[in-house]
C-alpha atoms as a PDB file:
ATOM      1  CA  UNK A   1       0.000   0.000   0.000  1.00  0.00           C
ATOM      2  CA  UNK A   2       1.239   3.512  -0.821  1.00  0.00           C
ATOM      3  CA  UNK A   3       1.348   6.527   1.487  1.00  0.00           C
ATOM      4  CA  UNK A   4      -2.067   7.663   0.235  1.00  0.00           C
ATOM      5  CA  UNK A   5      -3.487   4.201   0.947  1.00  0.00           C
ATOM      6  CA  UNK A   6      -4.170   3.554  -2.708  1.00  0.00           C
ATOM      7  CA  UNK A   7      -2.953   0.351  -4.379  1.00  0.00           C
ATOM      8  CA  UNK A   8      -2.857  -1.040  -7.874  1.00  0.00           C
ATOM      9  CA  UNK A   9      -5.522  -3.654  -8.561  1.00  0.00           C
ATOM     10  CA  UNK A  10      -3.978  -7.029  -9.441  1.00  0.00           C
ATOM     11  CA  UNK A  11      -5.698  -6.937 -12.845  1.00  0.00           C
ATOM     12  CA  UNK A  12      -4.083  -3.594 -13.632  1.00  0.00           C
ATOM     13  CA  UNK A  13      -0.611  -4.838 -12.672  1.00  0.00           C
ATOM     14  CA  UNK A  14      -1.112  -7.984 -14.766  1.00  0.00           C
ATOM     15  CA  UNK A  15      -2.254  -5.918 -17.748  1.00  0.00           C
ATOM     16  CA  UNK A  16       0.761  -3.611 -17.427  1.00  0.00           C
ATOM     17  CA  UNK A  17       3.155  -6.554 -17.178  1.00  0.00           C
ATOM     18  CA  UNK A  18       1.544  -8.137 -20.246  1.00  0.00           C
ATOM     19  CA  UNK A  19       1.801  -4.873 -22.199  1.00  0.00           C
ATOM     20  CA  UNK A  20       5.241  -3.605 -21.139  1.00  0.00           C
ATOM     21  CA  UNK A  21       7.395  -6.542 -20.006  1.00  0.00           C
ATOM     22  CA  UNK A  22       8.618  -7.468 -23.497  1.00  0.00           C
ATOM     23  CA  UNK A  23       9.442  -3.899 -24.621  1.00  0.00           C
ATOM     24  CA  UNK A  24      11.136  -3.186 -21.277  1.00  0.00           C
ATOM     25  CA  UNK A  25      13.228  -6.369 -21.555  1.00  0.00           C
ATOM     26  CA  UNK A  26      14.301  -5.455 -25.084  1.00  0.00           C
ATOM     27  CA  UNK A  27      15.123  -1.888 -24.021  1.00  0.00           C
ATOM     28  CA  UNK A  28      17.077  -2.913 -20.919  1.00  0.00           C
ATOM     29  CA  UNK A  29      18.818  -5.747 -22.754  1.00  0.00           C
ATOM     30  CA  UNK A  30      20.060  -3.410 -25.467  1.00  0.00           C
ATOM     31  CA  UNK A  31      21.177  -0.824 -22.933  1.00  0.00           C
ATOM     32  CA  UNK A  32      23.086  -3.551 -21.087  1.00  0.00           C
ATOM     33  CA  UNK A  33      24.773  -4.764 -24.252  1.00  0.00           C
ATOM     34  CA  UNK A  34      22.863  -8.028 -24.341  1.00  0.00           C
ATOM     35  CA  UNK A  35      23.009  -8.874 -20.626  1.00  0.00           C
ATOM     36  CA  UNK A  36      19.738 -10.816 -20.508  1.00  0.00           C
ATOM     37  CA  UNK A  37      19.914 -11.603 -16.780  1.00  0.00           C
ATOM     38  CA  UNK A  38      20.619  -7.975 -15.955  1.00  0.00           C
ATOM     39  CA  UNK A  39      17.701  -6.892 -18.151  1.00  0.00           C
ATOM     40  CA  UNK A  40      15.389  -9.299 -16.330  1.00  0.00           C
ATOM     41  CA  UNK A  41      16.584  -7.943 -12.971  1.00  0.00           C
ATOM     42  CA  UNK A  42      16.034  -4.334 -14.055  1.00  0.00           C
ATOM     43  CA  UNK A  43      12.538  -5.031 -15.372  1.00  0.00           C
ATOM     44  CA  UNK A  44      11.567  -7.017 -12.295  1.00  0.00           C
ATOM     45  CA  UNK A  45      12.706  -4.171 -10.047  1.00  0.00           C
ATOM     46  CA  UNK A  46      10.794  -1.713 -12.233  1.00  0.00           C
ATOM     47  CA  UNK A  47       7.540  -3.618 -11.734  1.00  0.00           C
ATOM     48  CA  UNK A  48       8.210  -4.001  -8.011  1.00  0.00           C
ATOM     49  CA  UNK A  49       8.572  -0.235  -7.767  1.00  0.00           C
ATOM     50  CA  UNK A  50       5.353   0.168  -9.725  1.00  0.00           C
ATOM     51  CA  UNK A  51       3.512  -1.905  -7.107  1.00  0.00           C
ATOM     52  CA  UNK A  52       4.704   0.502  -4.387  1.00  0.00           C
ATOM     53  CA  UNK A  53       3.796   3.615  -6.383  1.00  0.00           C
ATOM     54  CA  UNK A  54       0.507   5.486  -5.979  1.00  0.00           C
ATOM     55  CA  UNK A  55      -1.580   4.756  -9.105  1.00  0.00           C
ATOM     56  CA  UNK A  56      -3.094   8.241  -9.082  1.00  0.00           C
ATOM     57  CA  UNK A  57       0.360   9.831  -9.402  1.00  0.00           C
ATOM     58  CA  UNK A  58       1.470   7.943 -12.510  1.00  0.00           C
ATOM     59  CA  UNK A  59      -1.595   6.425 -14.160  1.00  0.00           C
ATOM     60  CA  UNK A  60      -1.722   9.028 -16.940  1.00  0.00           C
ATOM     61  CA  UNK A  61       1.954   8.534 -17.801  1.00  0.00           C
ATOM     62  CA  UNK A  62       2.602   4.929 -16.859  1.00  0.00           C
ATOM     63  CA  UNK A  63       4.583   4.001 -20.010  1.00  0.00           C
ATOM     64  CA  UNK A  64       7.018   6.867 -19.594  1.00  0.00           C
ATOM     65  CA  UNK A  65       7.276   6.152 -15.868  1.00  0.00           C
ATOM     66  CA  UNK A  66       8.090   2.463 -16.449  1.00  0.00           C
ATOM     67  CA  UNK A  67      10.769   3.191 -19.048  1.00  0.00           C
ATOM     68  CA  UNK A  68      12.227   5.986 -16.951  1.00  0.00           C
ATOM     69  CA  UNK A  69      12.499   3.779 -13.845  1.00  0.00           C
ATOM     70  CA  UNK A  70      13.930   0.924 -15.925  1.00  0.00           C
ATOM     71  CA  UNK A  71      16.453   3.268 -17.559  1.00  0.00           C
ATOM     72  CA  UNK A  72      17.578   4.578 -14.170  1.00  0.00           C
ATOM     73  CA  UNK A  73      17.985   1.034 -12.854  1.00  0.00           C
ATOM     74  CA  UNK A  74      20.022   0.010 -15.908  1.00  0.00           C
ATOM     75  CA  UNK A  75      22.293   3.045 -15.509  1.00  0.00           C
ATOM     76  CA  UNK A  76      22.788   2.131 -11.842  1.00  0.00           C
ATOM     77  CA  UNK A  77      23.663  -1.426 -12.886  1.00  0.00           C
ATOM     78  CA  UNK A  78      26.144  -0.133 -15.465  1.00  0.00           C
ATOM     79  CA  UNK A  79      27.815   1.989 -12.808  1.00  0.00           C
ATOM     80  CA  UNK A  80      28.405  -1.090 -10.697  1.00  0.00           C
ATOM     81  CA  UNK A  81      29.627  -2.886 -13.833  1.00  0.00           C
ATOM     82  CA  UNK A  82      27.075  -5.682 -13.477  1.00  0.00           C
ATOM     83  CA  UNK A  83      27.594  -7.886 -16.529  1.00  0.00           C
ATOM     84  CA  UNK A  84      26.623 -11.379 -17.634  1.00  0.00           C
ATOM     85  CA  UNK A  85      27.393 -12.767 -21.105  1.00  0.00           C
ATOM     86  CA  UNK A  86      24.434 -12.739 -23.460  1.00  0.00           C
ATOM     87  CA  UNK A  87      22.901 -15.983 -24.677  1.00  0.00           C
ATOM     88  CA  UNK A  88      20.720 -15.172 -27.679  1.00  0.00           C
ATOM     89  CA  UNK A  89      18.711 -18.369 -27.221  1.00  0.00           C
ATOM     90  CA  UNK A  90      17.244 -16.898 -24.035  1.00  0.00           C
ATOM     91  CA  UNK A  91      15.562 -14.006 -25.818  1.00  0.00           C
ATOM     92  CA  UNK A  92      13.854 -16.285 -28.310  1.00  0.00           C
ATOM     93  CA  UNK A  93      12.332 -18.297 -25.466  1.00  0.00           C
ATOM     94  CA  UNK A  94      10.964 -15.221 -23.710  1.00  0.00           C
ATOM     95  CA  UNK A  95      10.019 -13.502 -26.951  1.00  0.00           C
ATOM     96  CA  UNK A  96       7.547 -15.915 -28.578  1.00  0.00           C
ATOM     97  CA  UNK A  97       5.077 -13.399 -29.948  1.00  0.00           C
ATOM     98  CA  UNK A  98       5.914 -12.155 -33.435  1.00  0.00           C
ATOM     99  CA  UNK A  99       7.230  -8.658 -33.818  1.00  0.00           C
ATOM    100  CA  UNK A 100       5.944  -6.561 -36.730  1.00  0.00           C
ATOM    101  CA  UNK A 101       9.481  -6.331 -38.097  1.00  0.00           C
ATOM    102  CA  UNK A 102       9.768 -10.148 -38.032  1.00  0.00           C
ATOM    103  CA  UNK A 103       6.933 -10.498 -40.484  1.00  0.00           C
ATOM    104  CA  UNK A 104       8.197  -7.760 -42.782  1.00  0.00           C
ATOM    105  CA  UNK A 105      11.865  -8.530 -43.228  1.00  0.00           C
ATOM    106  CA  UNK A 106      13.777 -11.772 -43.286  1.00  0.00           C
ATOM    107  CA  UNK A 107      16.454 -12.753 -40.794  1.00  0.00           C
ATOM    108  CA  UNK A 108      19.369 -11.666 -42.978  1.00  0.00           C
ATOM    109  CA  UNK A 109      17.907  -8.215 -43.568  1.00  0.00           C
ATOM    110  CA  UNK A 110      17.026  -7.945 -39.884  1.00  0.00           C
ATOM    111  CA  UNK A 111      20.599  -8.807 -38.880  1.00  0.00           C
ATOM    112  CA  UNK A 112      21.913  -6.192 -41.306  1.00  0.00           C
ATOM    113  CA  UNK A 113      19.514  -3.602 -39.907  1.00  0.00           C
ATOM    114  CA  UNK A 114      20.445  -4.456 -36.299  1.00  0.00           C
ATOM    115  CA  UNK A 115      24.109  -4.069 -37.245  1.00  0.00           C
ATOM    116  CA  UNK A 116      23.408  -0.651 -38.726  1.00  0.00           C
ATOM    117  CA  UNK A 117      21.436   0.404 -35.646  1.00  0.00           C
ATOM    118  CA  UNK A 118      24.418  -0.567 -33.478  1.00  0.00           C
ATOM    119  CA  UNK A 119      26.505   1.953 -35.452  1.00  0.00           C
ATOM    120  CA  UNK A 120      24.210   4.830 -34.466  1.00  0.00           C
ATOM    121  CA  UNK A 121      25.104   6.963 -31.468  1.00  0.00           C
ATOM    122  CA  UNK A 122      23.853   5.640 -28.131  1.00  0.00           C
ATOM    123  CA  UNK A 123      21.317   8.465 -27.907  1.00  0.00           C
ATOM    124  CA  UNK A 124      19.989   7.757 -31.421  1.00  0.00           C
ATOM    125  CA  UNK A 125      19.709   4.048 -30.612  1.00  0.00           C
ATOM    126  CA  UNK A 126      17.833   4.775 -27.420  1.00  0.00           C
ATOM    127  CA  UNK A 127      15.240   7.143 -28.887  1.00  0.00           C
ATOM    128  CA  UNK A 128      14.766   4.902 -31.936  1.00  0.00           C
ATOM    129  CA  UNK A 129      14.113   1.844 -29.760  1.00  0.00           C
ATOM    130  CA  UNK A 130      11.790   3.733 -27.443  1.00  0.00           C
ATOM    131  CA  UNK A 131       9.811   4.959 -30.453  1.00  0.00           C
ATOM    132  CA  UNK A 132       9.741   1.823 -32.598  1.00  0.00           C
ATOM    133  CA  UNK A 133      10.011  -1.046 -30.121  1.00  0.00           C
ATOM    134  CA  UNK A 134       8.239   0.446 -27.133  1.00  0.00           C
ATOM    135  CA  UNK A 135       5.822   2.640 -29.089  1.00  0.00           C
ATOM    136  CA  UNK A 136       6.374   5.675 -26.858  1.00  0.00           C
ATOM    137  CA  UNK A 137       5.339   9.146 -27.998  1.00  0.00           C
ATOM    138  CA  UNK A 138       7.877  11.946 -28.395  1.00  0.00           C
ATOM    139  CA  UNK A 139       6.644  13.392 -25.092  1.00  0.00           C
ATOM    140  CA  UNK A 140       7.088  10.058 -23.308  1.00  0.00           C
ATOM    141  CA  UNK A 141      10.554   9.587 -24.805  1.00  0.00           C
ATOM    142  CA  UNK A 142      11.478  13.082 -23.634  1.00  0.00           C
ATOM    143  CA  UNK A 143      10.281  12.229 -20.129  1.00  0.00           C
ATOM    144  CA  UNK A 144      12.265   8.962 -20.075  1.00  0.00           C
ATOM    145  CA  UNK A 145      15.511  10.382 -21.464  1.00  0.00           C
ATOM    146  CA  UNK A 146      15.460  13.905 -20.068  1.00  0.00           C
ATOM    147  CA  UNK A 147      15.646  15.380 -23.571  1.00  0.00           C
ATOM    148  CA  UNK A 148      13.347  18.058 -24.879  1.00  0.00           C
ATOM    149  CA  UNK A 149      10.648  16.982 -27.326  1.00  0.00           C
ATOM    150  CA  UNK A 150      12.529  18.879 -30.038  1.00  0.00           C
ATOM    151  CA  UNK A 151      15.728  16.972 -29.265  1.00  0.00           C
ATOM    152  CA  UNK A 152      13.834  13.679 -29.414  1.00  0.00           C
ATOM    153  CA  UNK A 153      12.641  14.596 -32.906  1.00  0.00           C
ATOM    154  CA  UNK A 154      16.134  15.661 -33.907  1.00  0.00           C
ATOM    155  CA  UNK A 155      17.711  12.390 -32.734  1.00  0.00           C
ATOM    156  CA  UNK A 156      14.989  10.282 -34.352  1.00  0.00           C
ATOM    157  CA  UNK A 157      15.342  12.133 -37.631  1.00  0.00           C
ATOM    158  CA  UNK A 158      19.131  11.776 -37.526  1.00  0.00           C
ATOM    159  CA  UNK A 159      18.841   8.049 -36.740  1.00  0.00           C
ATOM    160  CA  UNK A 160      16.456   7.411 -39.628  1.00  0.00           C
ATOM    161  CA  UNK A 161      18.588   9.498 -41.991  1.00  0.00           C
ATOM    162  CA  UNK A 162      21.741   7.616 -40.951  1.00  0.00           C
ATOM    163  CA  UNK A 163      20.020   4.250 -41.386  1.00  0.00           C
ATOM    164  CA  UNK A 164      18.638   5.258 -44.784  1.00  0.00           C
ATOM    165  CA  UNK A 165      22.065   6.464 -45.927  1.00  0.00           C
ATOM    166  CA  UNK A 166      23.728   3.281 -44.676  1.00  0.00           C
ATOM    167  CA  UNK A 167      21.152   1.077 -46.379  1.00  0.00           C
ATOM    168  CA  UNK A 168      21.604   2.982 -49.656  1.00  0.00           C
ATOM    169  CA  UNK A 169      25.362   2.293 -49.525  1.00  0.00           C
ATOM    170  CA  UNK A 170      24.774  -1.418 -48.865  1.00  0.00           C
END
């Protein structure tokens, strides 16, 4: 129970976990350079914090709040140099539902695109993933990253331009 006495209904928590667990795992995993165990820890701690948070304070901005808390936890983990080697087979087990990109491009093209994304700046990678993988709005991305909405747009535009230019060369 929170200070105000208000708690999240179990159905609401379950719905939020169903909606955001996968995007949060992907986001944290990428930020941690493929540390799947670390990503799971960060996401679990994010949802535990959500349970202690007053629903009235964050209900209107829950997506941004979740990604912001997860981002902060990942940064804390990076500071303590928490690292476990990545086993790509683990993500396929946890990630059974098809992604839109999976149905549009084949594995070879996807690998090429992921390689090109890895060449973007860290900031461009982050805003691109928050927009495309997590489906956050510019405002929510700004809240998560601490950027202005204009800077979010700038970084997204630069990321797309860089990817387009790289794809044209290849």
